Protein backbone atom coordinates (compact mmCIF):
# COMPACT_ATOMS: atom_id res chain seq x y z
CA MET A 1 -70.43 28.72 -209.28
CA SER A 2 -71.63 29.69 -205.80
CA LEU A 3 -75.25 29.51 -204.72
CA ILE A 4 -75.52 33.31 -204.61
CA SER A 5 -74.03 33.65 -208.10
CA GLU A 6 -76.49 31.09 -209.43
CA ALA A 7 -79.35 32.96 -207.78
CA ILE A 8 -78.27 36.31 -209.24
CA ALA A 9 -77.80 34.79 -212.71
CA ILE A 10 -81.52 34.01 -212.87
CA PHE A 11 -82.53 37.66 -213.21
CA PRO A 12 -80.57 38.47 -216.42
CA ALA A 13 -81.77 35.13 -217.79
CA LEU A 14 -85.38 36.19 -217.21
CA LEU A 15 -84.72 39.54 -218.87
CA SER A 16 -83.31 37.78 -221.91
CA GLY A 17 -86.70 36.23 -222.62
CA ASP A 18 -85.05 33.12 -224.04
CA ALA A 19 -86.65 29.92 -222.77
CA TRP A 20 -83.44 27.88 -223.08
CA THR A 21 -81.41 30.43 -221.10
CA ILE A 22 -84.08 30.64 -218.41
CA ARG A 23 -84.31 26.84 -218.29
CA ASN A 24 -80.59 26.51 -217.56
CA ALA A 25 -80.68 29.31 -214.97
CA VAL A 26 -83.64 28.01 -212.95
CA GLY A 27 -82.29 24.47 -213.04
CA THR A 28 -79.50 25.35 -210.59
CA GLY A 29 -79.57 25.25 -206.82
CA GLY A 30 -79.67 29.04 -206.77
CA ALA A 31 -83.30 28.87 -207.87
CA TRP A 32 -84.26 27.93 -204.32
CA LEU A 33 -82.59 31.03 -202.90
CA THR A 34 -84.11 33.26 -205.55
CA GLY A 35 -87.49 31.64 -205.03
CA ALA A 36 -87.36 32.25 -201.28
CA VAL A 37 -86.46 35.93 -201.77
CA VAL A 38 -89.13 36.42 -204.42
CA LEU A 39 -91.74 34.66 -202.30
CA LEU A 40 -90.97 36.79 -199.25
CA ALA A 41 -91.03 40.00 -201.29
CA ALA A 42 -94.28 38.98 -202.98
CA ALA A 43 -95.82 38.07 -199.63
CA PHE A 44 -95.08 41.54 -198.28
CA LEU A 45 -96.12 43.46 -201.40
CA ILE A 46 -99.26 41.52 -202.26
CA SER A 47 -100.44 41.39 -198.65
CA THR A 48 -100.04 45.19 -198.53
CA LEU A 49 -102.10 45.47 -201.73
CA TYR A 50 -104.75 43.17 -200.27
CA ARG A 51 -105.05 45.30 -197.15
CA LYS A 52 -105.34 48.52 -199.16
CA VAL A 53 -107.78 47.05 -201.70
CA PRO A 54 -110.02 44.58 -199.80
CA PHE A 55 -112.13 43.93 -202.90
CA ILE A 56 -109.19 42.18 -204.59
CA GLU A 57 -108.36 40.28 -201.41
CA ARG A 58 -111.93 38.99 -201.12
CA HIS A 59 -112.59 38.06 -204.73
CA PHE A 60 -109.42 37.32 -206.70
CA GLU A 61 -108.97 33.60 -206.00
CA ARG A 62 -112.71 32.96 -206.07
CA THR A 63 -113.06 34.74 -209.41
CA VAL A 64 -110.33 32.58 -210.95
CA MET A 65 -111.84 29.42 -209.45
CA VAL A 66 -115.40 30.15 -210.58
CA GLY A 67 -114.24 31.36 -214.00
CA SER A 68 -112.23 28.17 -214.55
CA TYR A 69 -115.14 26.02 -213.39
CA LEU A 70 -117.61 27.75 -215.69
CA ALA A 71 -115.20 27.42 -218.61
CA ILE A 72 -114.86 23.68 -217.93
CA ALA A 73 -118.62 23.28 -217.64
CA GLY A 74 -119.18 25.28 -220.83
CA ILE A 75 -116.70 23.21 -222.83
CA ILE A 76 -118.19 19.93 -221.61
CA PHE A 77 -121.76 21.13 -222.16
CA TRP A 78 -121.06 22.19 -225.72
CA GLY A 79 -118.98 19.05 -226.30
CA VAL A 80 -121.98 16.87 -225.51
CA ILE A 81 -124.25 18.84 -227.85
CA ASP A 82 -121.58 18.95 -230.55
CA ARG A 83 -121.05 15.22 -230.41
CA PHE A 84 -124.60 13.87 -230.12
CA VAL A 85 -126.47 16.53 -232.07
CA PHE A 86 -124.00 17.56 -234.76
CA ALA A 87 -121.91 14.34 -234.81
CA ASN A 88 -118.79 16.42 -234.36
CA GLN A 89 -116.13 16.86 -231.68
CA GLN A 90 -113.56 19.58 -231.15
CA PRO A 91 -110.14 17.91 -230.75
CA TRP A 92 -109.20 20.20 -227.85
CA SER A 93 -112.41 19.61 -225.88
CA THR A 94 -110.78 16.82 -223.85
CA THR A 95 -107.36 18.45 -223.35
CA VAL A 96 -108.19 22.01 -222.28
CA PRO A 97 -110.55 21.14 -219.35
CA PRO A 98 -107.82 19.27 -217.37
CA LEU A 99 -105.58 22.34 -217.67
CA LEU A 100 -108.40 24.57 -216.47
CA PHE A 101 -109.03 22.17 -213.60
CA MET A 102 -105.37 22.51 -212.61
CA ILE A 103 -105.81 26.28 -212.43
CA MET A 104 -108.99 25.94 -210.37
CA ALA A 105 -107.35 23.48 -207.97
CA TRP A 106 -104.22 25.53 -207.25
CA PHE A 107 -106.08 28.79 -206.76
CA GLY A 108 -108.54 26.87 -204.61
CA ALA A 109 -105.60 25.75 -202.49
CA ALA A 110 -104.59 29.38 -201.94
CA TYR A 111 -108.16 30.31 -201.05
CA ASN A 112 -108.44 27.51 -198.50
CA VAL A 113 -105.14 28.48 -196.89
CA LYS A 114 -106.80 31.84 -196.34
CA LEU A 115 -109.80 30.14 -194.71
CA ARG A 116 -107.56 27.71 -192.75
CA THR A 117 -109.78 24.83 -193.80
CA HIS A 118 -106.83 22.48 -194.08
CA LEU A 119 -106.29 19.62 -191.60
CA ALA A 120 -105.49 21.47 -188.36
CA PHE A 121 -106.67 19.16 -185.53
CA ALA A 122 -108.63 22.07 -184.02
CA GLU A 123 -110.04 20.01 -181.15
CA PHE A 124 -106.56 18.99 -180.05
CA ARG A 125 -105.17 22.51 -180.40
CA THR A 126 -108.04 24.10 -178.51
CA ALA A 127 -107.12 22.04 -175.44
CA MET A 128 -103.52 23.28 -175.58
CA PRO A 129 -102.20 26.29 -173.66
CA ARG A 130 -101.89 29.58 -175.54
CA THR A 131 -98.15 29.11 -176.12
CA GLY A 132 -98.74 25.67 -177.61
CA GLN A 133 -101.44 27.03 -179.89
CA PHE A 134 -99.11 29.71 -181.21
CA LEU A 135 -96.35 27.17 -181.78
CA CYS A 136 -98.79 25.08 -183.83
CA LEU A 137 -99.76 28.15 -185.86
CA THR A 138 -96.07 28.88 -186.38
CA LEU A 139 -95.62 25.33 -187.64
CA ASP A 140 -98.55 25.89 -190.03
CA PHE A 141 -96.82 28.95 -191.42
CA VAL A 142 -93.48 27.20 -191.86
CA LEU A 143 -95.06 24.19 -193.58
CA TRP A 144 -97.30 26.21 -195.90
CA PHE A 145 -94.57 28.67 -196.79
CA GLY A 146 -92.16 25.82 -197.42
CA PHE A 147 -94.75 24.08 -199.57
CA ALA A 148 -95.31 27.30 -201.51
CA LEU A 149 -91.57 27.62 -202.12
CA ILE A 150 -91.30 24.03 -203.39
CA LEU A 151 -94.33 24.51 -205.62
CA LEU A 152 -93.02 27.84 -206.93
CA VAL A 153 -89.57 26.57 -207.93
CA THR A 154 -90.73 23.26 -209.40
CA THR A 155 -93.59 24.77 -211.41
CA VAL A 156 -91.35 27.55 -212.74
CA ARG A 157 -89.01 24.82 -213.96
CA SER A 158 -91.94 22.94 -215.51
CA THR A 159 -93.12 26.13 -217.20
CA VAL A 160 -89.80 26.96 -218.82
CA LEU A 161 -89.28 23.31 -219.76
CA SER A 162 -92.60 23.33 -221.57
CA ALA A 163 -91.81 26.65 -223.24
CA SER A 164 -88.34 25.57 -224.35
CA ASN A 165 -89.79 22.40 -225.90
CA PHE A 166 -92.58 24.34 -227.63
CA GLN A 167 -95.23 22.02 -226.20
CA ILE A 168 -98.63 22.67 -227.75
CA VAL A 169 -101.94 21.77 -226.15
CA LEU A 170 -103.10 18.60 -227.87
CA GLY A 171 -105.87 19.24 -230.37
CA THR A 172 -104.81 22.83 -231.05
CA ASP A 173 -102.53 24.42 -233.63
CA ASN A 174 -100.84 27.21 -231.68
CA THR A 175 -102.01 27.15 -228.04
CA MET A 176 -98.97 26.61 -225.84
CA GLN A 177 -99.11 24.45 -222.72
CA TRP A 178 -96.92 26.81 -220.74
CA TRP A 179 -99.60 29.49 -220.91
CA PHE A 180 -101.64 27.32 -218.55
CA ILE A 181 -98.74 25.92 -216.51
CA ALA A 182 -97.49 29.44 -215.79
CA THR A 183 -100.52 29.99 -213.54
CA ALA A 184 -99.18 27.41 -211.07
CA PRO A 185 -96.23 29.59 -209.90
CA LEU A 186 -98.70 32.44 -209.43
CA ALA A 187 -100.93 30.21 -207.30
CA ALA A 188 -97.86 29.09 -205.34
CA THR A 189 -97.05 32.73 -204.66
CA LEU A 190 -100.60 33.33 -203.42
CA ILE A 191 -100.33 30.33 -201.09
CA GLY A 192 -97.22 31.93 -199.59
CA VAL A 193 -99.02 35.27 -199.36
CA ARG A 194 -101.99 33.74 -197.54
CA ALA A 195 -99.70 31.88 -195.13
CA PHE A 196 -97.84 35.13 -194.45
CA MET A 197 -101.06 37.07 -193.85
CA ASN A 198 -102.44 34.39 -191.54
CA TYR A 199 -99.27 34.35 -189.48
CA ARG A 200 -99.22 38.13 -189.22
CA ASP A 201 -102.80 37.98 -187.92
CA ASP A 202 -101.71 35.29 -185.44
CA ILE A 203 -98.94 37.52 -184.12
CA ASP A 204 -101.37 40.43 -183.76
CA ASN A 205 -103.82 38.19 -181.89
CA LEU A 206 -101.06 36.97 -179.60
CA LYS A 207 -100.08 40.54 -178.72
CA SER A 208 -103.65 41.78 -178.24
CA GLY A 209 -104.86 38.78 -176.26
CA GLU A 210 -107.47 37.83 -178.84
CA PRO A 211 -108.25 34.11 -179.30
CA LEU A 212 -105.66 32.44 -181.49
CA LEU A 213 -107.92 29.71 -182.83
CA LYS A 214 -111.16 30.38 -184.68
CA GLN A 215 -113.67 28.02 -186.23
CA ALA A 216 -112.81 27.40 -189.87
CA VAL A 217 -115.78 27.06 -192.22
CA ILE A 218 -115.47 25.95 -195.84
CA GLY A 219 -116.94 28.61 -198.09
CA ALA A 220 -116.89 31.28 -195.40
CA ASP A 221 -115.21 34.64 -195.85
């Protein structure tokens, strides 16, 4: 089967809703082609939504991060009271927080791509000519978008693998692991979206003559 045929076969597999069928479809090489197309389409559509609704653009990742953090803190806080005051312990109190931390970490990665607080060697880049600066920013886009694609495809495969094996969160009766793992492909998509938006801003700055490099501050907006 050709790469294009494998890529097209993923869509009817998704519509089938069967985890085994989806698992076989996304396990092919065509998943990379489909992932690239989906990521590009999502980057365009979500970035358009962000520009039309700035409130979502400003708060979505941070809301997920803070919500996950508060949920972790709440579970641990009650776990301590439950154990030392009531001599009891919920069996899921040590298995759910790591999954919530995974969600917080991946959405935090998307948020920090937005802020450009990754390792960028700003001092070195500032001393470069304008063309060199833009080439470095182009490299940033290629690397982050490539990373988002790898993360998207691999986490989709992990999600359907978990779903097809009916993996349950340890300590629970009917809470599925894939419900949590499925947030990773979404975070991967947002990383691609943020990389796309940053690069579009870089192109606009290059055309307008605005400075290409700006001081990145963790926690800024």
